[in-house]
């Protein structure tokens, strides 16, 4: 730790959680669709964050949501 800094109490999930596809629930509460600003639904099986309003599914890679419309998959 650097002198003068406080320890981090809300650290990122351990690497093994990211490899299993787990995403921090606190992060999910904060994220919205970058296009519509609407709420996102987490699809754990597909490892995606789904924006029903934009009809897009944003991928999650190594536990990190990729919130770029160009990377999103169109959904029906």
Protein backbone atom coordinates (compact mmCIF):
# COMPACT_ATOMS: atom_id res chain seq x y z
CA UNK A 1 0.00 0.00 0.00
CA UNK A 2 1.20 3.52 -0.78
CA UNK A 3 1.66 5.72 2.31
CA UNK A 4 -1.32 8.02 2.81
CA UNK A 5 -3.75 5.78 0.92
CA UNK A 6 -6.51 3.89 2.63
CA UNK A 7 -7.02 0.18 1.98
CA UNK A 8 -9.65 -0.78 -0.56
CA UNK A 9 -12.60 -2.48 1.10
CA UNK A 10 -14.83 -3.10 -1.93
CA UNK A 11 -12.29 -4.82 -4.14
CA UNK A 12 -13.14 -6.39 -7.48
CA UNK A 13 -14.19 -10.03 -7.45
CA UNK A 14 -11.29 -12.48 -7.33
CA UNK A 15 -9.97 -13.70 -10.71
CA UNK A 16 -11.58 -17.12 -10.26
CA UNK A 17 -15.02 -15.44 -10.02
CA UNK A 18 -14.37 -13.50 -13.23
CA UNK A 19 -13.35 -16.72 -14.98
CA UNK A 20 -16.59 -18.38 -13.87
CA UNK A 21 -18.52 -15.47 -15.37
CA UNK A 22 -19.63 -13.83 -12.17
CA UNK A 23 -20.12 -10.11 -12.25
CA UNK A 24 -20.22 -7.80 -9.24
CA UNK A 25 -23.89 -7.14 -8.32
CA UNK A 26 -22.99 -3.56 -7.32
CA UNK A 27 -21.71 -2.96 -10.83
CA UNK A 28 -24.93 -4.30 -12.33
CA UNK A 29 -26.93 -1.78 -10.31
CA UNK A 30 -24.93 1.09 -11.82
CA UNK A 31 -24.79 0.08 -15.47
CA UNK A 32 -27.37 1.25 -17.99
CA UNK A 33 -27.65 0.92 -21.75
CA UNK A 34 -25.30 3.49 -23.33
CA UNK A 35 -27.86 4.22 -26.06
CA UNK A 36 -31.14 4.42 -24.16
CA UNK A 37 -29.99 4.81 -20.53
CA UNK A 38 -32.46 2.04 -19.68
CA UNK A 39 -31.95 -0.73 -17.13
CA UNK A 40 -30.06 -3.86 -18.20
CA UNK A 41 -30.96 -7.49 -17.50
CA UNK A 42 -28.15 -9.91 -16.70
CA UNK A 43 -28.19 -13.16 -18.68
CA UNK A 44 -25.77 -15.40 -16.76
CA UNK A 45 -26.05 -18.29 -19.22
CA UNK A 46 -25.04 -16.20 -22.23
CA UNK A 47 -22.80 -13.85 -20.25
CA UNK A 48 -24.56 -10.76 -21.58
CA UNK A 49 -26.25 -7.62 -20.34
CA UNK A 50 -29.50 -7.22 -22.23
CA UNK A 51 -31.09 -3.89 -23.12
CA UNK A 52 -34.67 -4.64 -24.07
CA UNK A 53 -35.26 -1.00 -25.02
CA UNK A 54 -32.36 -0.95 -27.51
CA UNK A 55 -32.85 -4.63 -28.43
CA UNK A 56 -29.14 -5.28 -27.88
CA UNK A 57 -27.14 -7.72 -25.77
CA UNK A 58 -23.77 -6.46 -24.53
CA UNK A 59 -21.16 -9.20 -24.00
CA UNK A 60 -19.35 -9.83 -20.73
CA UNK A 61 -15.77 -10.99 -21.25
CA UNK A 62 -13.67 -12.20 -18.32
CA UNK A 63 -16.17 -10.58 -15.95
CA UNK A 64 -15.97 -7.20 -17.71
CA UNK A 65 -19.07 -5.80 -19.44
CA UNK A 66 -18.27 -4.51 -22.93
CA UNK A 67 -20.65 -1.56 -23.17
CA UNK A 68 -19.95 -0.63 -26.79
CA UNK A 69 -22.92 -0.67 -29.18
CA UNK A 70 -20.63 -1.92 -31.97
CA UNK A 71 -19.80 -4.99 -29.85
CA UNK A 72 -23.43 -5.70 -28.92
CA UNK A 73 -25.52 -8.47 -30.44
CA UNK A 74 -28.95 -7.54 -31.85
CA UNK A 75 -31.80 -9.44 -30.19
CA UNK A 76 -35.33 -10.21 -31.38
